[in-house]
C-alpha cells in the first residue's frame, strides 16, 4: 500500500457514519474503510 500524505478532515457526524459503514462491511475501523474506498478509485 502506498503511503498517503494528504490529511482528510471530516465532521464528527461524517466520521461516525464512515465508522458505521466500515463495521457493517466487516472492517475493524474507519481507516480500513477509507483505504478500501481509495483503492477502489
C-alpha atoms as a PDB file:
ATOM      1  CA  UNK A   1       0.000   0.000   0.000  1.00  0.00           C
ATOM      2  CA  UNK A   2       1.261   3.462  -0.863  1.00  0.00           C
ATOM      3  CA  UNK A   3       1.887   5.839   1.980  1.00  0.00           C
ATOM      4  CA  UNK A   4      -0.595   8.715   1.954  1.00  0.00           C
ATOM      5  CA  UNK A   5       0.429  12.212   2.956  1.00  0.00           C
ATOM      6  CA  UNK A   6      -2.734  14.239   2.376  1.00  0.00           C
ATOM      7  CA  UNK A   7      -4.807  14.777   5.530  1.00  0.00           C
ATOM      8  CA  UNK A   8      -8.522  14.104   5.289  1.00  0.00           C
ATOM      9  CA  UNK A   9     -10.915  16.045   7.508  1.00  0.00           C
ATOM     10  CA  UNK A  10     -14.455  15.053   8.446  1.00  0.00           C
ATOM     11  CA  UNK A  11     -17.089  16.385  10.806  1.00  0.00           C
ATOM     12  CA  UNK A  12     -17.933  14.203  13.802  1.00  0.00           C
ATOM     13  CA  UNK A  13     -21.153  13.106  12.105  1.00  0.00           C
ATOM     14  CA  UNK A  14     -19.363  12.144   8.884  1.00  0.00           C
ATOM     15  CA  UNK A  15     -16.687  10.233  10.794  1.00  0.00           C
ATOM     16  CA  UNK A  16     -19.277   8.274  12.782  1.00  0.00           C
ATOM     17  CA  UNK A  17     -21.078   7.382   9.557  1.00  0.00           C
ATOM     18  CA  UNK A  18     -17.814   6.147   7.998  1.00  0.00           C
ATOM     19  CA  UNK A  19     -17.129   4.019  11.101  1.00  0.00           C
ATOM     20  CA  UNK A  20     -20.667   2.622  10.971  1.00  0.00           C
ATOM     21  CA  UNK A  21     -20.371   1.627   7.293  1.00  0.00           C
ATOM     22  CA  UNK A  22     -16.896   0.131   7.787  1.00  0.00           C
ATOM     23  CA  UNK A  23     -18.110  -2.031  10.685  1.00  0.00           C
ATOM     24  CA  UNK A  24     -21.135  -3.207   8.663  1.00  0.00           C
ATOM     25  CA  UNK A  25     -18.712  -4.355   5.958  1.00  0.00           C
ATOM     26  CA  UNK A  26     -16.614  -6.322   8.475  1.00  0.00           C
ATOM     27  CA  UNK A  27     -13.750  -3.855   8.808  1.00  0.00           C
ATOM     28  CA  UNK A  28     -12.176  -3.077  12.167  1.00  0.00           C
ATOM     29  CA  UNK A  29     -12.161   0.713  11.908  1.00  0.00           C
ATOM     30  CA  UNK A  30     -12.771   3.733   9.704  1.00  0.00           C
ATOM     31  CA  UNK A  31      -9.197   3.728   8.391  1.00  0.00           C
ATOM     32  CA  UNK A  32      -9.757   0.371   6.734  1.00  0.00           C
ATOM     33  CA  UNK A  33     -12.961   1.687   5.180  1.00  0.00           C
ATOM     34  CA  UNK A  34     -11.207   4.739   3.782  1.00  0.00           C
ATOM     35  CA  UNK A  35      -8.320   2.676   2.394  1.00  0.00           C
ATOM     36  CA  UNK A  36     -10.801   0.348   0.697  1.00  0.00           C
ATOM     37  CA  UNK A  37     -12.629   3.280  -0.885  1.00  0.00           C
ATOM     38  CA  UNK A  38      -9.384   4.848  -2.103  1.00  0.00           C
ATOM     39  CA  UNK A  39      -8.114   1.581  -3.539  1.00  0.00           C
ATOM     40  CA  UNK A  40     -11.368   1.169  -5.498  1.00  0.00           C
ATOM     41  CA  UNK A  41     -10.963   4.514  -7.252  1.00  0.00           C
END
